[in-house]
């Protein structure tokens, strides 16, 4: 006999980026620390704000954990773009998302420009993010609640 949980129905995603209503969307991403290390080495310091905000760069510090911290923020922006269903590009750019941290260290998202527009037009109520990293990998999840 089949468990009643097997008969649950799942609503299809909203077409064309319509309102989320009460839907929750999730995005996840992971990157290798060496990949971000190469990106940072290949990008002139003055061009880094095209990917990371001045605040993100400051929050990541100058010490040995800097690359891992930036890698986690990079992964978070990718995860957010997946939760929105857009990816990084014309609909949502790197500068439209900022990963900040509270005094406790808990990360939170500040949306700018197209990010704020997407949040509003999709009827979203909350955007949560979680970051993690090891010596070699950084990962992030984003939950967009309707």
N, C-alpha and C. Protein backbone atom coordinates (compact mmCIF):
# COMPACT_ATOMS: atom_id res chain seq x y z
N UNK A 1 0.84 -1.17 0.00
CA UNK A 1 0.00 0.00 0.00
C UNK A 1 0.89 1.24 0.00
N UNK A 2 0.56 2.20 -0.84
CA UNK A 2 1.36 3.41 -0.97
C UNK A 2 1.13 4.34 0.20
N UNK A 3 2.18 4.97 0.65
CA UNK A 3 2.10 5.96 1.70
C UNK A 3 1.36 7.17 1.17
N UNK A 4 0.57 7.82 2.01
CA UNK A 4 -0.19 8.98 1.55
C UNK A 4 0.72 10.12 1.11
N UNK A 5 1.93 10.16 1.62
CA UNK A 5 2.87 11.21 1.21
C UNK A 5 3.24 11.06 -0.26
N UNK A 6 3.12 9.84 -0.81
CA UNK A 6 3.45 9.63 -2.21
C UNK A 6 2.46 10.29 -3.14
N UNK A 7 1.27 10.60 -2.66
CA UNK A 7 0.25 11.16 -3.54
C UNK A 7 0.18 12.68 -3.48
N UNK A 8 1.15 13.31 -2.83
CA UNK A 8 1.15 14.77 -2.76
C UNK A 8 1.32 15.36 -4.14
N UNK A 9 0.63 16.45 -4.39
CA UNK A 9 0.82 17.14 -5.67
C UNK A 9 1.71 18.34 -5.45
N UNK A 10 2.46 18.66 -6.46
CA UNK A 10 3.37 19.79 -6.40
C UNK A 10 2.95 20.77 -7.48
N UNK A 11 2.76 22.03 -7.09
CA UNK A 11 2.36 23.06 -8.05
C UNK A 11 3.52 23.36 -8.98
N UNK A 12 3.23 23.57 -10.26
CA UNK A 12 4.29 23.94 -11.20
C UNK A 12 4.78 25.35 -10.90
N UNK A 13 6.01 25.67 -11.32
CA UNK A 13 6.52 27.02 -11.07
C UNK A 13 5.69 28.06 -11.82
N UNK A 14 5.69 29.25 -11.27
CA UNK A 14 4.96 30.34 -11.90
C UNK A 14 5.54 30.62 -13.28
N UNK A 15 4.69 30.71 -14.31
CA UNK A 15 5.18 30.93 -15.67
C UNK A 15 5.77 32.33 -15.85
N UNK A 16 6.85 32.40 -16.59
CA UNK A 16 7.43 33.69 -16.98
C UNK A 16 7.81 34.60 -15.84
N UNK A 17 8.13 34.05 -14.70
CA UNK A 17 8.55 34.89 -13.59
C UNK A 17 7.41 35.61 -12.93
N UNK A 18 6.20 35.09 -13.03
CA UNK A 18 5.05 35.73 -12.41
C UNK A 18 5.19 35.69 -10.89
N UNK A 19 4.21 36.23 -10.21
CA UNK A 19 4.22 36.29 -8.76
C UNK A 19 4.46 34.93 -8.13
N UNK A 20 5.17 34.93 -7.03
CA UNK A 20 5.46 33.70 -6.30
C UNK A 20 4.25 33.21 -5.52
N UNK A 21 3.28 34.11 -5.27
CA UNK A 21 2.16 33.81 -4.40
C UNK A 21 2.72 33.27 -3.09
N UNK A 22 2.37 32.06 -2.73
CA UNK A 22 2.89 31.52 -1.47
C UNK A 22 4.03 30.53 -1.72
N UNK A 23 4.54 30.49 -2.93
CA UNK A 23 5.60 29.54 -3.27
C UNK A 23 6.92 29.93 -2.61
N UNK A 24 7.73 28.94 -2.37
CA UNK A 24 9.09 29.14 -1.89
C UNK A 24 10.01 28.58 -2.94
N UNK A 25 11.02 29.33 -3.30
CA UNK A 25 12.00 28.88 -4.29
C UNK A 25 13.36 28.83 -3.63
N UNK A 26 14.15 27.86 -4.04
CA UNK A 26 15.46 27.65 -3.44
C UNK A 26 16.53 27.63 -4.52
N UNK A 27 17.68 28.17 -4.21
CA UNK A 27 18.83 28.11 -5.11
C UNK A 27 20.04 27.66 -4.31
N UNK A 28 20.94 26.97 -4.97
CA UNK A 28 22.16 26.49 -4.30
C UNK A 28 23.32 26.61 -5.27
N UNK A 29 24.50 26.87 -4.75
CA UNK A 29 25.68 26.94 -5.60
C UNK A 29 26.91 26.60 -4.76
N UNK A 30 27.90 26.07 -5.42
CA UNK A 30 29.19 25.83 -4.76
C UNK A 30 30.30 26.18 -5.74
N UNK A 31 31.41 26.62 -5.20
CA UNK A 31 32.57 26.97 -6.01
C UNK A 31 33.82 26.45 -5.30
N UNK A 32 34.87 26.26 -6.07
CA UNK A 32 36.14 25.90 -5.44
C UNK A 32 36.86 27.18 -5.05
N UNK A 33 37.52 27.14 -3.93
CA UNK A 33 38.29 28.31 -3.46
C UNK A 33 39.37 28.67 -4.49
N UNK A 34 40.10 27.68 -5.05
CA UNK A 34 41.12 28.03 -6.04
C UNK A 34 40.55 28.77 -7.27
N UNK A 35 39.32 28.45 -7.67
CA UNK A 35 38.70 29.17 -8.81
C UNK A 35 38.55 30.65 -8.48
N UNK A 36 38.08 30.95 -7.29
CA UNK A 36 37.89 32.35 -6.89
C UNK A 36 39.24 33.02 -6.67
N UNK A 37 40.20 32.27 -6.17
CA UNK A 37 41.56 32.79 -6.02
C UNK A 37 42.12 33.22 -7.38
N UNK A 38 41.90 32.40 -8.40
CA UNK A 38 42.35 32.75 -9.76
C UNK A 38 41.60 33.97 -10.29
N UNK A 39 40.28 34.02 -10.02
CA UNK A 39 39.48 35.18 -10.45
C UNK A 39 40.01 36.46 -9.81
N UNK A 40 40.29 36.41 -8.51
CA UNK A 40 40.80 37.59 -7.82
C UNK A 40 42.17 38.01 -8.33
N UNK A 41 43.02 37.03 -8.63
CA UNK A 41 44.36 37.32 -9.14
C UNK A 41 44.31 37.93 -10.53
N UNK A 42 43.33 37.52 -11.34
CA UNK A 42 43.23 37.99 -12.72
C UNK A 42 42.46 39.31 -12.85
N UNK A 43 41.79 39.73 -11.78
CA UNK A 43 40.96 40.94 -11.84
C UNK A 43 41.67 42.07 -11.12
N UNK A 44 41.90 43.18 -11.82
CA UNK A 44 42.52 44.33 -11.15
C UNK A 44 41.66 44.79 -9.96
N UNK A 45 42.30 45.21 -8.89
CA UNK A 45 41.60 45.63 -7.67
C UNK A 45 40.48 46.62 -7.96
N UNK A 46 40.72 47.56 -8.87
CA UNK A 46 39.70 48.58 -9.15
C UNK A 46 38.49 48.01 -9.87
N UNK A 47 38.61 46.81 -10.45
CA UNK A 47 37.49 46.18 -11.15
C UNK A 47 36.70 45.22 -10.26
N UNK A 48 37.20 44.91 -9.07
CA UNK A 48 36.51 43.97 -8.18
C UNK A 48 35.09 44.43 -7.82
N UNK A 49 34.83 45.75 -7.66
CA UNK A 49 33.45 46.16 -7.37
C UNK A 49 32.45 45.85 -8.48
N UNK A 50 32.91 45.36 -9.63
CA UNK A 50 31.95 44.91 -10.64
C UNK A 50 31.34 43.57 -10.24
N UNK A 51 31.98 42.86 -9.32
CA UNK A 51 31.48 41.57 -8.83
C UNK A 51 31.06 41.70 -7.37
N UNK A 52 31.93 42.29 -6.55
CA UNK A 52 31.69 42.43 -5.12
C UNK A 52 31.54 43.91 -4.77
N UNK A 53 30.63 44.21 -3.85
CA UNK A 53 30.47 45.60 -3.41
C UNK A 53 31.66 46.00 -2.55
N UNK A 54 31.80 47.28 -2.35
CA UNK A 54 32.86 47.79 -1.47
C UNK A 54 32.67 47.21 -0.07
N UNK A 55 31.43 47.10 0.38
CA UNK A 55 31.16 46.55 1.71
C UNK A 55 31.52 45.07 1.78
N UNK A 56 31.22 44.31 0.72
CA UNK A 56 31.57 42.89 0.69
C UNK A 56 33.09 42.71 0.76
N UNK A 57 33.80 43.54 0.04
CA UNK A 57 35.26 43.47 0.06
C UNK A 57 35.80 43.81 1.45
N UNK A 58 35.20 44.82 2.09
CA UNK A 58 35.62 45.20 3.43
C UNK A 58 35.29 44.12 4.45
N UNK A 59 34.09 43.54 4.36
CA UNK A 59 33.67 42.50 5.29
C UNK A 59 34.54 41.25 5.18
N UNK A 60 35.14 41.02 4.02
CA UNK A 60 35.97 39.84 3.81
C UNK A 60 37.37 40.00 4.36
N UNK A 61 37.73 41.23 4.72
CA UNK A 61 39.03 41.48 5.33
C UNK A 61 40.21 41.28 4.40
N UNK A 62 41.40 41.26 4.99
CA UNK A 62 42.65 41.11 4.24
C UNK A 62 43.42 39.87 4.65
N UNK A 63 42.91 39.13 5.61
CA UNK A 63 43.64 37.99 6.15
C UNK A 63 43.52 36.72 5.32
N UNK A 64 43.94 35.62 5.90
CA UNK A 64 43.96 34.34 5.18
C UNK A 64 42.58 33.82 4.80
N UNK A 65 41.51 34.27 5.47
CA UNK A 65 40.15 33.82 5.15
C UNK A 65 39.46 34.64 4.09
N UNK A 66 40.15 35.64 3.55
CA UNK A 66 39.53 36.56 2.59
C UNK A 66 38.99 35.85 1.36
N UNK A 67 39.77 35.00 0.75
CA UNK A 67 39.35 34.33 -0.48
C UNK A 67 38.15 33.43 -0.21
N UNK A 68 38.17 32.69 0.88
CA UNK A 68 37.04 31.82 1.21
C UNK A 68 35.78 32.63 1.46
N UNK A 69 35.92 33.77 2.13
CA UNK A 69 34.78 34.64 2.40
C UNK A 69 34.18 35.19 1.10
N UNK A 70 35.04 35.64 0.20
CA UNK A 70 34.56 36.14 -1.09
C UNK A 70 33.97 35.01 -1.94
N UNK A 71 34.56 33.82 -1.85
CA UNK A 71 34.02 32.68 -2.59
C UNK A 71 32.61 32.35 -2.11
N UNK A 72 32.38 32.42 -0.80
CA UNK A 72 31.04 32.15 -0.27
C UNK A 72 30.05 33.21 -0.75
N UNK A 73 30.48 34.45 -0.83
CA UNK A 73 29.60 35.52 -1.32
C UNK A 73 29.32 35.32 -2.82
N UNK A 74 30.32 34.91 -3.57
CA UNK A 74 30.14 34.61 -4.99
C UNK A 74 29.09 33.51 -5.15
N UNK A 75 29.24 32.44 -4.38
CA UNK A 75 28.29 31.33 -4.44
C UNK A 75 26.89 31.79 -4.03
N UNK A 76 26.81 32.68 -3.04
CA UNK A 76 25.51 33.19 -2.60
C UNK A 76 24.81 33.96 -3.71
N UNK A 77 25.56 34.77 -4.44
CA UNK A 77 24.95 35.53 -5.54
C UNK A 77 24.44 34.59 -6.63
N UNK A 78 25.20 33.54 -6.90
CA UNK A 78 24.75 32.53 -7.87
C UNK A 78 23.49 31.83 -7.36
N UNK A 79 23.48 31.48 -6.08
CA UNK A 79 22.32 30.80 -5.49
C UNK A 79 21.07 31.69 -5.54
N UNK A 80 21.26 32.98 -5.26
CA UNK A 80 20.14 33.92 -5.32
C UNK A 80 19.60 34.00 -6.74
N UNK A 81 20.48 34.07 -7.72
CA UNK A 81 20.03 34.15 -9.11
C UNK A 81 19.25 32.90 -9.50
N UNK A 82 19.62 31.75 -8.94
CA UNK A 82 18.90 30.50 -9.21
C UNK A 82 17.54 30.50 -8.51
N UNK A 83 17.48 31.04 -7.31
CA UNK A 83 16.20 31.14 -6.61
C UNK A 83 15.23 32.03 -7.37
N UNK A 84 15.75 33.09 -7.97
CA UNK A 84 14.92 33.97 -8.80
C UNK A 84 14.60 33.32 -10.14
N UNK A 85 15.40 32.34 -10.54
CA UNK A 85 15.18 31.67 -11.82
C UNK A 85 15.74 32.43 -13.01
N UNK A 86 16.69 33.30 -12.75
CA UNK A 86 17.21 34.15 -13.84
C UNK A 86 18.64 33.84 -14.23
N UNK A 87 19.44 33.35 -13.28
CA UNK A 87 20.87 33.28 -13.51
C UNK A 87 21.43 34.68 -13.45
N UNK A 88 22.75 34.79 -13.58
CA UNK A 88 23.41 36.10 -13.60
C UNK A 88 23.44 36.56 -15.05
N UNK A 89 22.96 37.74 -15.31
CA UNK A 89 22.93 38.25 -16.69
C UNK A 89 22.11 39.52 -16.77
N UNK A 90 21.36 39.65 -17.85
CA UNK A 90 20.60 40.88 -18.09
C UNK A 90 19.53 41.14 -17.04
N UNK A 91 18.88 40.08 -16.55
CA UNK A 91 17.78 40.26 -15.59
C UNK A 91 18.26 40.52 -14.17
N UNK A 92 19.48 40.07 -13.86
CA UNK A 92 20.01 40.21 -12.51
C UNK A 92 21.54 40.19 -12.58
N UNK A 93 22.15 41.29 -12.18
CA UNK A 93 23.61 41.39 -12.26
C UNK A 93 24.28 41.24 -10.91
N UNK A 94 25.60 41.12 -10.95
CA UNK A 94 26.38 40.97 -9.72
C UNK A 94 26.14 42.11 -8.75
N UNK A 95 26.01 43.33 -9.26
CA UNK A 95 25.87 44.50 -8.40
C UNK A 95 24.45 44.64 -7.85
N UNK A 96 23.51 43.83 -8.34
CA UNK A 96 22.13 43.90 -7.87
C UNK A 96 21.92 43.13 -6.56
N UNK A 97 22.94 42.43 -6.11
CA UNK A 97 22.88 41.63 -4.88
C UNK A 97 24.10 41.93 -4.04
N UNK A 98 23.88 42.10 -2.76
CA UNK A 98 24.99 42.36 -1.84
C UNK A 98 24.82 41.44 -0.63
N UNK A 99 25.87 40.72 -0.31
CA UNK A 99 25.85 39.81 0.84
C UNK A 99 26.55 40.51 2.00
N UNK A 100 25.76 40.90 2.97
CA UNK A 100 26.28 41.62 4.14
C UNK A 100 26.25 40.68 5.34
N UNK A 101 26.75 41.17 6.47
CA UNK A 101 26.69 40.36 7.68
C UNK A 101 26.34 41.21 8.88
N UNK A 102 25.58 40.60 9.76
CA UNK A 102 25.22 41.24 11.01
C UNK A 102 26.42 41.16 11.95
N UNK A 103 26.35 41.88 13.08
CA UNK A 103 27.43 41.82 14.05
C UNK A 103 27.69 40.40 14.52
N UNK A 104 26.63 39.59 14.53
CA UNK A 104 26.75 38.20 14.95
C UNK A 104 27.47 37.34 13.92
N UNK A 105 27.63 37.88 12.71
CA UNK A 105 28.24 37.13 11.62
C UNK A 105 27.22 36.53 10.66
N UNK A 106 25.93 36.56 11.05
CA UNK A 106 24.87 36.01 10.21
C UNK A 106 24.77 36.81 8.90
N UNK A 107 24.78 36.11 7.77
CA UNK A 107 24.68 36.83 6.49
C UNK A 107 23.24 37.25 6.20
N UNK A 108 23.12 38.34 5.47
CA UNK A 108 21.81 38.77 4.97
C UNK A 108 22.02 39.43 3.62
N UNK A 109 20.94 39.53 2.86
CA UNK A 109 21.01 40.03 1.49
C UNK A 109 20.42 41.44 1.42
N UNK A 110 21.11 42.31 0.71
CA UNK A 110 20.58 43.62 0.34
C UNK A 110 20.47 43.62 -1.17
N UNK A 111 19.26 43.88 -1.66
CA UNK A 111 19.03 43.90 -3.10
C UNK A 111 19.04 45.34 -3.59
N UNK A 112 19.63 45.53 -4.76
CA UNK A 112 19.69 46.84 -5.39
C UNK A 112 19.13 46.72 -6.81
N UNK A 113 18.72 47.83 -7.39
CA UNK A 113 18.33 47.87 -8.80
C UNK A 113 17.42 46.75 -9.24
N UNK A 114 17.90 45.97 -10.20
CA UNK A 114 17.10 44.89 -10.77
C UNK A 114 16.76 43.81 -9.75
N UNK A 115 17.60 43.62 -8.77
CA UNK A 115 17.33 42.65 -7.71
C UNK A 115 16.10 43.06 -6.91
N UNK A 116 16.03 44.34 -6.55
CA UNK A 116 14.89 44.85 -5.80
C UNK A 116 13.63 44.78 -6.66
N UNK A 117 13.76 45.12 -7.95
CA UNK A 117 12.61 45.05 -8.87
C UNK A 117 12.07 43.62 -8.97
N UNK A 118 12.97 42.65 -9.15
CA UNK A 118 12.55 41.24 -9.22
C UNK A 118 11.83 40.82 -7.94
N UNK A 119 12.39 41.19 -6.80
CA UNK A 119 11.81 40.85 -5.51
C UNK A 119 10.38 41.38 -5.42
N UNK A 120 10.20 42.62 -5.83
CA UNK A 120 8.89 43.27 -5.75
C UNK A 120 7.90 42.69 -6.77
N UNK A 121 8.33 42.57 -8.01
CA UNK A 121 7.41 42.09 -9.05
C UNK A 121 7.04 40.62 -8.86
N UNK A 122 7.89 39.86 -8.21
CA UNK A 122 7.58 38.45 -7.95
C UNK A 122 6.74 38.27 -6.69
N UNK A 123 6.46 39.36 -5.99
CA UNK A 123 5.66 39.27 -4.78
C UNK A 123 6.37 38.56 -3.64
N UNK A 124 7.69 38.62 -3.63
CA UNK A 124 8.46 37.94 -2.60
C UNK A 124 8.30 38.66 -1.27
N UNK A 125 8.40 37.89 -0.20
CA UNK A 125 8.27 38.44 1.16
C UNK A 125 9.60 38.44 1.90
N UNK A 126 10.47 37.49 1.56
CA UNK A 126 11.72 37.35 2.30
C UNK A 126 12.74 36.61 1.45
N UNK A 127 13.99 36.98 1.60
CA UNK A 127 15.09 36.30 0.92
C UNK A 127 16.14 35.97 1.98
N UNK A 128 16.35 34.67 2.19
CA UNK A 128 17.31 34.21 3.18
C UNK A 128 18.50 33.59 2.49
N UNK A 129 19.66 33.67 3.13
CA UNK A 129 20.86 33.10 2.55
C UNK A 129 21.69 32.45 3.66
N UNK A 130 22.35 31.35 3.30
CA UNK A 130 23.25 30.67 4.22
C UNK A 130 24.55 30.38 3.48
N UNK A 131 25.67 30.62 4.13
CA UNK A 131 26.99 30.45 3.52
C UNK A 131 27.79 29.42 4.30
N UNK A 132 28.68 28.74 3.59
CA UNK A 132 29.58 27.80 4.24
C UNK A 132 30.85 27.67 3.40
N UNK A 133 31.96 27.36 4.07
CA UNK A 133 33.18 27.10 3.30
C UNK A 133 34.13 26.23 4.10
N UNK A 134 34.97 25.54 3.35
CA UNK A 134 36.04 24.75 3.91
C UNK A 134 37.33 25.31 3.32
N UNK A 135 38.42 24.58 3.44
CA UNK A 135 39.67 25.04 2.84
C UNK A 135 39.60 25.06 1.31
N UNK A 136 38.78 24.18 0.72
CA UNK A 136 38.76 24.04 -0.73
C UNK A 136 37.46 24.44 -1.42
N UNK A 137 36.36 24.51 -0.67
CA UNK A 137 35.06 24.77 -1.28
C UNK A 137 34.28 25.82 -0.51
N UNK A 138 33.44 26.55 -1.26
CA UNK A 138 32.48 27.46 -0.64
C UNK A 138 31.12 27.12 -1.24
N UNK A 139 30.10 27.21 -0.41
CA UNK A 139 28.75 26.89 -0.86
C UNK A 139 27.77 27.87 -0.24
N UNK A 140 26.62 28.01 -0.90
CA UNK A 140 25.58 28.89 -0.38
C UNK A 140 24.22 28.37 -0.84
N UNK A 141 23.24 28.63 0.00
CA UNK A 141 21.85 28.38 -0.38
C UNK A 141 21.09 29.68 -0.21
N UNK A 142 20.09 29.85 -1.05
CA UNK A 142 19.22 31.02 -0.97
C UNK A 142 17.78 30.52 -1.00
N UNK A 143 16.95 31.08 -0.14
CA UNK A 143 15.54 30.72 -0.10
C UNK A 143 14.75 32.01 -0.31
N UNK A 144 13.93 32.00 -1.35
CA UNK A 144 13.07 33.13 -1.70
C UNK A 144 11.65 32.74 -1.35
N UNK A 145 11.09 33.40 -0.33
CA UNK A 145 9.76 33.08 0.12
C UNK A 145 8.74 34.02 -0.47
N UNK A 146 7.64 33.45 -0.95
CA UNK A 146 6.56 34.24 -1.54
C UNK A 146 5.53 34.61 -0.53
